[in-house]
């Protein structure tokens, strides 16, 4: 099973980083189309995935998530700009 670390851009321009095994399902949950929502995105929808990376296991995805969460907003945006989906 593949795991993904992803970054969402919310309606208010904030960024949200997490992991999942199903990107499509998770973005639908963040947009409150499916059960399993994230409280953070309730007032910030719609959201869109602006970046993701795929990993072979949860441990690697979680490590990457933590690395990204430690970045400043500006550093995240620069990182995303220089990478391509």
PDB file of N, CA and C in Angstrom:
ATOM      1  N   UNK A   1       0.838  -1.169   0.000  1.00  0.00           N
ATOM      2  CA  UNK A   1       0.000   0.000   0.000  1.00  0.00           C
ATOM      3  C   UNK A   1       0.893   1.245   0.000  1.00  0.00           C
ATOM      4  N   UNK A   2       0.566   2.176  -0.846  1.00  0.00           N
ATOM      5  CA  UNK A   2       1.317   3.425  -0.927  1.00  0.00           C
ATOM      6  C   UNK A   2       0.744   4.445   0.052  1.00  0.00           C
ATOM      7  N   UNK A   3       1.616   5.287   0.554  1.00  0.00           N
ATOM      8  CA  UNK A   3       1.227   6.407   1.409  1.00  0.00           C
ATOM      9  C   UNK A   3       1.664   7.693   0.724  1.00  0.00           C
ATOM     10  N   UNK A   4       0.893   8.739   0.947  1.00  0.00           N
ATOM     11  CA  UNK A   4       1.174  10.038   0.349  1.00  0.00           C
ATOM     12  C   UNK A   4       1.271  11.091   1.437  1.00  0.00           C
ATOM     13  N   UNK A   5       2.271  11.940   1.312  1.00  0.00           N
ATOM     14  CA  UNK A   5       2.337  13.165   2.104  1.00  0.00           C
ATOM     15  C   UNK A   5       1.849  14.252   1.173  1.00  0.00           C
ATOM     16  N   UNK A   6       0.920  15.079   1.646  1.00  0.00           N
ATOM     17  CA  UNK A   6       0.327  16.071   0.755  1.00  0.00           C
ATOM     18  C   UNK A   6       0.224  17.433   1.421  1.00  0.00           C
ATOM     19  N   UNK A   7       0.148  18.455   0.576  1.00  0.00           N
ATOM     20  CA  UNK A   7      -0.083  19.824   1.028  1.00  0.00           C
ATOM     21  C   UNK A   7      -1.328  20.325   0.336  1.00  0.00           C
ATOM     22  N   UNK A   8      -2.253  20.845   1.138  1.00  0.00           N
ATOM     23  CA  UNK A   8      -3.468  21.459   0.616  1.00  0.00           C
ATOM     24  C   UNK A   8      -3.332  22.971   0.668  1.00  0.00           C
ATOM     25  N   UNK A   9      -3.956  23.632  -0.284  1.00  0.00           N
ATOM     26  CA  UNK A   9      -4.144  25.077  -0.193  1.00  0.00           C
ATOM     27  C   UNK A   9      -5.621  25.289   0.077  1.00  0.00           C
ATOM     28  N   UNK A  10      -5.908  26.017   1.156  1.00  0.00           N
ATOM     29  CA  UNK A  10      -7.286  26.276   1.550  1.00  0.00           C
ATOM     30  C   UNK A  10      -7.778  27.591   0.944  1.00  0.00           C
ATOM     31  N   UNK A  11      -9.084  27.783   1.015  1.00  0.00           N
ATOM     32  CA  UNK A  11      -9.712  28.991   0.471  1.00  0.00           C
ATOM     33  C   UNK A  11      -9.083  30.260   1.044  1.00  0.00           C
ATOM     34  N   UNK A  12      -8.676  30.231   2.310  1.00  0.00           N
ATOM     35  CA  UNK A  12      -8.078  31.401   2.947  1.00  0.00           C
ATOM     36  C   UNK A  12      -6.569  31.507   2.686  1.00  0.00           C
ATOM     37  N   UNK A  13      -6.068  30.681   1.746  1.00  0.00           N
ATOM     38  CA  UNK A  13      -4.658  30.654   1.337  1.00  0.00           C
ATOM     39  C   UNK A  13      -3.742  29.976   2.359  1.00  0.00           C
ATOM     40  N   UNK A  14      -4.291  29.440   3.438  1.00  0.00           N
ATOM     41  CA  UNK A  14      -3.456  28.705   4.384  1.00  0.00           C
ATOM     42  C   UNK A  14      -3.075  27.362   3.780  1.00  0.00           C
ATOM     43  N   UNK A  15      -2.030  26.764   4.327  1.00  0.00           N
ATOM     44  CA  UNK A  15      -1.527  25.472   3.853  1.00  0.00           C
ATOM     45  C   UNK A  15      -1.732  24.429   4.950  1.00  0.00           C
ATOM     46  N   UNK A  16      -2.069  23.218   4.537  1.00  0.00           N
ATOM     47  CA  UNK A  16      -2.344  22.119   5.459  1.00  0.00           C
ATOM     48  C   UNK A  16      -1.583  20.901   4.955  1.00  0.00           C
ATOM     49  N   UNK A  17      -0.816  20.271   5.831  1.00  0.00           N
ATOM     50  CA  UNK A  17       0.009  19.113   5.452  1.00  0.00           C
ATOM     51  C   UNK A  17      -0.388  17.904   6.282  1.00  0.00           C
ATOM     52  N   UNK A  18      -0.515  16.744   5.619  1.00  0.00           N
ATOM     53  CA  UNK A  18      -0.882  15.508   6.308  1.00  0.00           C
ATOM     54  C   UNK A  18      -0.473  14.324   5.447  1.00  0.00           C
ATOM     55  N   UNK A  19      -0.866  13.109   5.861  1.00  0.00           N
ATOM     56  CA  UNK A  19      -0.615  11.908   5.060  1.00  0.00           C
ATOM     57  C   UNK A  19      -1.921  11.167   4.821  1.00  0.00           C
ATOM     58  N   UNK A  20      -1.933  10.334   3.774  1.00  0.00           N
ATOM     59  CA  UNK A  20      -3.102   9.527   3.454  1.00  0.00           C
ATOM     60  C   UNK A  20      -2.676   8.361   2.573  1.00  0.00           C
ATOM     61  N   UNK A  21      -3.592   7.418   2.396  1.00  0.00           N
ATOM     62  CA  UNK A  21      -3.378   6.332   1.431  1.00  0.00           C
ATOM     63  C   UNK A  21      -4.219   6.553   0.180  1.00  0.00           C
ATOM     64  N   UNK A  22      -5.099   7.548   0.204  1.00  0.00           N
ATOM     65  CA  UNK A  22      -6.004   7.802  -0.914  1.00  0.00           C
ATOM     66  C   UNK A  22      -6.212   9.316  -1.066  1.00  0.00           C
ATOM     67  N   UNK A  23      -5.500   9.922  -1.997  1.00  0.00           N
ATOM     68  CA  UNK A  23      -5.557  11.376  -2.171  1.00  0.00           C
ATOM     69  C   UNK A  23      -6.950  11.869  -2.552  1.00  0.00           C
ATOM     70  N   UNK A  24      -7.608  11.201  -3.468  1.00  0.00           N
ATOM     71  CA  UNK A  24      -8.928  11.643  -3.918  1.00  0.00           C
ATOM     72  C   UNK A  24      -9.937  11.616  -2.769  1.00  0.00           C
ATOM     73  N   UNK A  25      -9.977  10.508  -2.057  1.00  0.00           N
ATOM     74  CA  UNK A  25     -10.894  10.389  -0.928  1.00  0.00           C
ATOM     75  C   UNK A  25     -10.600  11.460   0.113  1.00  0.00           C
ATOM     76  N   UNK A  26      -9.323  11.678   0.399  1.00  0.00           N
ATOM     77  CA  UNK A  26      -8.956  12.618   1.461  1.00  0.00           C
ATOM     78  C   UNK A  26      -9.322  14.057   1.105  1.00  0.00           C
ATOM     79  N   UNK A  27      -9.118  14.460  -0.136  1.00  0.00           N
ATOM     80  CA  UNK A  27      -9.489  15.833  -0.505  1.00  0.00           C
ATOM     81  C   UNK A  27     -11.003  15.991  -0.451  1.00  0.00           C
ATOM     82  N   UNK A  28     -11.744  14.944  -0.793  1.00  0.00           N
ATOM     83  CA  UNK A  28     -13.209  14.988  -0.686  1.00  0.00           C
ATOM     84  C   UNK A  28     -13.637  15.090   0.778  1.00  0.00           C
ATOM     85  N   UNK A  29     -12.906  14.444   1.673  1.00  0.00           N
ATOM     86  CA  UNK A  29     -13.200  14.571   3.096  1.00  0.00           C
ATOM     87  C   UNK A  29     -12.901  15.996   3.574  1.00  0.00           C
ATOM     88  N   UNK A  30     -11.787  16.538   3.150  1.00  0.00           N
ATOM     89  CA  UNK A  30     -11.436  17.907   3.544  1.00  0.00           C
ATOM     90  C   UNK A  30     -12.471  18.916   3.050  1.00  0.00           C
ATOM     91  N   UNK A  31     -13.057  18.642   1.911  1.00  0.00           N
ATOM     92  CA  UNK A  31     -14.095  19.523   1.369  1.00  0.00           C
ATOM     93  C   UNK A  31     -15.477  19.178   1.908  1.00  0.00           C
ATOM     94  N   UNK A  32     -15.545  18.269   2.863  1.00  0.00           N
ATOM     95  CA  UNK A  32     -16.764  17.870   3.552  1.00  0.00           C
ATOM     96  C   UNK A  32     -17.776  17.218   2.621  1.00  0.00           C
ATOM     97  N   UNK A  33     -17.279  16.516   1.600  1.00  0.00           N
ATOM     98  CA  UNK A  33     -18.145  15.749   0.702  1.00  0.00           C
ATOM     99  C   UNK A  33     -18.328  14.327   1.216  1.00  0.00           C
ATOM    100  N   UNK A  34     -17.403  13.861   2.054  1.00  0.00           N
ATOM    101  CA  UNK A  34     -17.439  12.515   2.641  1.00  0.00           C
ATOM    102  C   UNK A  34     -17.186  12.619   4.137  1.00  0.00           C
ATOM    103  N   UNK A  35     -17.647  11.642   4.881  1.00  0.00           N
ATOM    104  CA  UNK A  35     -17.367  11.574   6.312  1.00  0.00           C
ATOM    105  C   UNK A  35     -15.873  11.322   6.513  1.00  0.00           C
ATOM    106  N   UNK A  36     -15.324  11.894   7.547  1.00  0.00           N
ATOM    107  CA  UNK A  36     -13.909  11.738   7.855  1.00  0.00           C
ATOM    108  C   UNK A  36     -13.198  13.072   7.752  1.00  0.00           C
ATOM    109  N   UNK A  37     -13.962  14.146   7.963  1.00  0.00           N
ATOM    110  CA  UNK A  37     -13.459  15.497   7.785  1.00  0.00           C
ATOM    111  C   UNK A  37     -12.315  15.838   8.709  1.00  0.00           C
ATOM    112  N   UNK A  38     -11.660  16.920   8.368  1.00  0.00           N
ATOM    113  CA  UNK A  38     -10.657  17.529   9.244  1.00  0.00           C
ATOM    114  C   UNK A  38     -11.253  18.839   9.728  1.00  0.00           C
ATOM    115  N   UNK A  39     -11.257  19.039  11.018  1.00  0.00           N
ATOM    116  CA  UNK A  39     -11.858  20.235  11.598  1.00  0.00           C
ATOM    117  C   UNK A  39     -11.229  21.519  11.039  1.00  0.00           C
ATOM    118  N   UNK A  40      -9.919  21.474  10.807  1.00  0.00           N
ATOM    119  CA  UNK A  40      -9.205  22.665  10.316  1.00  0.00           C
ATOM    120  C   UNK A  40      -9.798  23.189   9.011  1.00  0.00           C
ATOM    121  N   UNK A  41     -10.216  22.302   8.131  1.00  0.00           N
ATOM    122  CA  UNK A  41     -10.675  22.732   6.812  1.00  0.00           C
ATOM    123  C   UNK A  41     -12.158  23.093   6.768  1.00  0.00           C
ATOM    124  N   UNK A  42     -12.879  22.920   7.860  1.00  0.00           N
ATOM    125  CA  UNK A  42     -14.311  23.209   7.868  1.00  0.00           C
ATOM    126  C   UNK A  42     -14.614  24.621   7.364  1.00  0.00           C
ATOM    127  N   UNK A  43     -13.957  25.612   7.908  1.00  0.00           N
ATOM    128  CA  UNK A  43     -14.211  27.005   7.521  1.00  0.00           C
ATOM    129  C   UNK A  43     -13.285  27.471   6.404  1.00  0.00           C
ATOM    130  N   UNK A  44     -12.480  26.561   5.868  1.00  0.00           N
ATOM    131  CA  UNK A  44     -11.480  26.942   4.872  1.00  0.00           C
ATOM    132  C   UNK A  44     -11.672  26.240   3.532  1.00  0.00           C
ATOM    133  N   UNK A  45     -12.826  25.628   3.342  1.00  0.00           N
ATOM    134  CA  UNK A  45     -13.077  24.933   2.087  1.00  0.00           C
ATOM    135  C   UNK A  45     -13.614  25.899   1.047  1.00  0.00           C
ATOM    136  N   UNK A  46     -13.424  25.669  -0.200  1.00  0.00           N
ATOM    137  CA  UNK A  46     -12.835  24.453  -0.758  1.00  0.00           C
ATOM    138  C   UNK A  46     -11.309  24.445  -0.633  1.00  0.00           C
ATOM    139  N   UNK A  47     -10.784  23.233  -0.640  1.00  0.00           N
ATOM    140  CA  UNK A  47      -9.341  23.040  -0.598  1.00  0.00           C
ATOM    141  C   UNK A  47      -8.916  22.318  -1.868  1.00  0.00           C
ATOM    142  N   UNK A  48      -7.635  22.440  -2.185  1.00  0.00           N
ATOM    143  CA  UNK A  48      -7.090  21.700  -3.325  1.00  0.00           C
ATOM    144  C   UNK A  48      -5.696  21.203  -2.980  1.00  0.00           C
ATOM    145  N   UNK A  49      -5.362  20.028  -3.489  1.00  0.00           N
ATOM    146  CA  UNK A  49      -4.015  19.495  -3.293  1.00  0.00           C
ATOM    147  C   UNK A  49      -3.089  20.245  -4.240  1.00  0.00           C
ATOM    148  N   UNK A  50      -2.046  20.865  -3.672  1.00  0.00           N
ATOM    149  CA  UNK A  50      -1.085  21.582  -4.505  1.00  0.00           C
ATOM    150  C   UNK A  50       0.261  20.861  -4.579  1.00  0.00           C
ATOM    151  N   UNK A  51       0.435  19.832  -3.753  1.00  0.00           N
ATOM    152  CA  UNK A  51       1.687  19.064  -3.791  1.00  0.00           C
ATOM    153  C   UNK A  51       1.479  17.735  -3.091  1.00  0.00           C
ATOM    154  N   UNK A  52       2.141  16.702  -3.608  1.00  0.00           N
ATOM    155  CA  UNK A  52       2.151  15.417  -2.907  1.00  0.00           C
ATOM    156  C   UNK A  52       3.391  14.630  -3.284  1.00  0.00           C
ATOM    157  N   UNK A  53       3.765  13.722  -2.404  1.00  0.00           N
ATOM    158  CA  UNK A  53       4.857  12.774  -2.630  1.00  0.00           C
ATOM    159  C   UNK A  53       4.352  11.395  -2.236  1.00  0.00           C
ATOM    160  N   UNK A  54       4.804  10.381  -2.927  1.00  0.00           N
ATOM    161  CA  UNK A  54       4.395   9.006  -2.641  1.00  0.00           C
ATOM    162  C   UNK A  54       5.521   8.260  -1.930  1.00  0.00           C
ATOM    163  N   UNK A  55       5.139   7.432  -0.935  1.00  0.00           N
ATOM    164  CA  UNK A  55       6.096   6.648  -0.151  1.00  0.00           C
ATOM    165  C   UNK A  55       5.620   5.209  -0.044  1.00  0.00           C
ATOM    166  N   UNK A  56       6.549   4.314   0.192  1.00  0.00           N
ATOM    167  CA  UNK A  56       6.201   2.892   0.262  1.00  0.00           C
ATOM    168  C   UNK A  56       5.644   2.474   1.611  1.00  0.00           C
ATOM    169  N   UNK A  57       5.829   3.310   2.640  1.00  0.00           N
ATOM    170  CA  UNK A  57       5.268   2.956   3.942  1.00  0.00           C
ATOM    171  C   UNK A  57       4.913   4.201   4.755  1.00  0.00           C
ATOM    172  N   UNK A  58       4.135   3.982   5.801  1.00  0.00           N
ATOM    173  CA  UNK A  58       3.638   5.084   6.632  1.00  0.00           C
ATOM    174  C   UNK A  58       4.765   5.823   7.345  1.00  0.00           C
ATOM    175  N   UNK A  59       5.769   5.093   7.775  1.00  0.00           N
ATOM    176  CA  UNK A  59       6.878   5.701   8.500  1.00  0.00           C
ATOM    177  C   UNK A  59       7.581   6.772   7.661  1.00  0.00           C
ATOM    178  N   UNK A  60       7.882   6.444   6.414  1.00  0.00           N
ATOM    179  CA  UNK A  60       8.555   7.408   5.539  1.00  0.00           C
ATOM    180  C   UNK A  60       7.655   8.615   5.248  1.00  0.00           C
ATOM    181  N   UNK A  61       6.373   8.364   5.038  1.00  0.00           N
ATOM    182  CA  UNK A  61       5.430   9.461   4.768  1.00  0.00           C
ATOM    183  C   UNK A  61       5.327  10.381   5.982  1.00  0.00           C
ATOM    184  N   UNK A  62       5.300   9.809   7.167  1.00  0.00           N
ATOM    185  CA  UNK A  62       5.198  10.603   8.391  1.00  0.00           C
ATOM    186  C   UNK A  62       6.462  11.428   8.616  1.00  0.00           C
ATOM    187  N   UNK A  63       7.613  10.851   8.354  1.00  0.00           N
ATOM    188  CA  UNK A  63       8.866  11.603   8.486  1.00  0.00           C
ATOM    189  C   UNK A  63       8.872  12.801   7.546  1.00  0.00           C
ATOM    190  N   UNK A  64       8.418  12.597   6.328  1.00  0.00           N
ATOM    191  CA  UNK A  64       8.372  13.695   5.361  1.00  0.00           C
ATOM    192  C   UNK A  64       7.351  14.744   5.786  1.00  0.00           C
ATOM    193  N   UNK A  65       6.214  14.300   6.296  1.00  0.00           N
ATOM    194  CA  UNK A  65       5.197  15.230   6.793  1.00  0.00           C
ATOM    195  C   UNK A  65       5.798  16.156   7.848  1.00  0.00           C
ATOM    196  N   UNK A  66       6.525  15.591   8.787  1.00  0.00           N
ATOM    197  CA  UNK A  66       7.123  16.392   9.857  1.00  0.00           C
ATOM    198  C   UNK A  66       8.162  17.364   9.319  1.00  0.00           C
ATOM    199  N   UNK A  67       8.944  16.934   8.328  1.00  0.00           N
ATOM    200  CA  UNK A  67       9.922  17.835   7.700  1.00  0.00           C
ATOM    201  C   UNK A  67       9.220  19.035   7.072  1.00  0.00           C
ATOM    202  N   UNK A  68       8.147  18.768   6.361  1.00  0.00           N
ATOM    203  CA  UNK A  68       7.409  19.843   5.685  1.00  0.00           C
ATOM    204  C   UNK A  68       6.756  20.762   6.712  1.00  0.00           C
ATOM    205  N   UNK A  69       6.177  20.206   7.758  1.00  0.00           N
ATOM    206  CA  UNK A  69       5.513  21.024   8.776  1.00  0.00           C
ATOM    207  C   UNK A  69       6.484  21.963   9.487  1.00  0.00           C
ATOM    208  N   UNK A  70       7.754  21.606   9.531  1.00  0.00           N
ATOM    209  CA  UNK A  70       8.758  22.465  10.162  1.00  0.00           C
ATOM    210  C   UNK A  70       9.150  23.651   9.277  1.00  0.00           C
ATOM    211  N   UNK A  71       8.822  23.598   8.002  1.00  0.00           N
ATOM    212  CA  UNK A  71       9.161  24.680   7.075  1.00  0.00           C
ATOM    213  C   UNK A  71       8.245  25.879   7.312  1.00  0.00           C
ATOM    214  N   UNK A  72       8.781  27.054   7.070  1.00  0.00           N
ATOM    215  CA  UNK A  72       7.937  28.254   7.100  1.00  0.00           C
ATOM    216  C   UNK A  72       7.010  28.221   5.886  1.00  0.00           C
ATOM    217  N   UNK A  73       5.980  29.026   5.929  1.00  0.00           N
ATOM    218  CA  UNK A  73       5.058  29.116   4.793  1.00  0.00           C
ATOM    219  C   UNK A  73       5.811  29.491   3.521  1.00  0.00           C
ATOM    220  N   UNK A  74       6.687  30.482   3.631  1.00  0.00           N
ATOM    221  CA  UNK A  74       7.448  30.945   2.470  1.00  0.00           C
ATOM    222  C   UNK A  74       8.324  29.832   1.908  1.00  0.00           C
ATOM    223  N   UNK A  75       8.942  29.064   2.790  1.00  0.00           N
ATOM    224  CA  UNK A  75       9.802  27.967   2.344  1.00  0.00           C
ATOM    225  C   UNK A  75       8.970  26.872   1.662  1.00  0.00           C
ATOM    226  N   UNK A  76       7.778  26.592   2.200  1.00  0.00           N
ATOM    227  CA  UNK A  76       6.892  25.599   1.574  1.00  0.00           C
ATOM    228  C   UNK A  76       6.502  26.042   0.167  1.00  0.00           C
ATOM    229  N   UNK A  77       6.110  27.298   0.028  1.00  0.00           N
ATOM    230  CA  UNK A  77       5.698  27.801  -1.289  1.00  0.00           C
ATOM    231  C   UNK A  77       6.855  27.782  -2.281  1.00  0.00           C
ATOM    232  N   UNK A  78       8.040  28.123  -1.825  1.00  0.00           N
ATOM    233  CA  UNK A  78       9.234  28.081  -2.688  1.00  0.00           C
ATOM    234  C   UNK A  78       9.521  26.625  -3.092  1.00  0.00           C
ATOM    235  N   UNK A  79       9.429  25.729  -2.138  1.00  0.00           N
ATOM    236  CA  UNK A  79       9.658  24.307  -2.393  1.00  0.00           C
ATOM    237  C   UNK A  79       8.669  23.785  -3.458  1.00  0.00           C
ATOM    238  N   UNK A  80       7.397  24.111  -3.278  1.00  0.00           N
ATOM    239  CA  UNK A  80       6.357  23.667  -4.215  1.00  0.00           C
ATOM    240  C   UNK A  80       6.603  24.241  -5.607  1.00  0.00           C
ATOM    241  N   UNK A  81       6.960  25.503  -5.658  1.00  0.00           N
ATOM    242  CA  UNK A  81       7.209  26.177  -6.940  1.00  0.00           C
ATOM    243  C   UNK A  81       8.346  25.503  -7.709  1.00  0.00           C
ATOM    244  N   UNK A  82       9.364  25.040  -6.990  1.00  0.00           N
ATOM    245  CA  UNK A  82      10.523  24.442  -7.646  1.00  0.00           C
ATOM    246  C   UNK A  82      10.366  22.950  -7.928  1.00  0.00           C
ATOM    247  N   UNK A  83       9.302  22.351  -7.433  1.00  0.00           N
ATOM    248  CA  UNK A  83       8.992  20.944  -7.704  1.00  0.00           C
ATOM    249  C   UNK A  83       7.820  20.894  -8.672  1.00  0.00           C
ATOM    250  N   UNK A  84       7.668  19.810  -9.349  1.00  0.00           N
ATOM    251  CA  UNK A  84       6.496  19.664 -10.205  1.00  0.00           C
ATOM    252  C   UNK A  84       5.757  18.401  -9.819  1.00  0.00           C
ATOM    253  N   UNK A  85       4.433  18.475  -9.875  1.00  0.00           N
ATOM    254  CA  UNK A  85       3.615  17.289  -9.615  1.00  0.00           C
ATOM    255  C   UNK A  85       3.757  16.409 -10.802  1.00  0.00           C
TER     256      UNK A  85
END
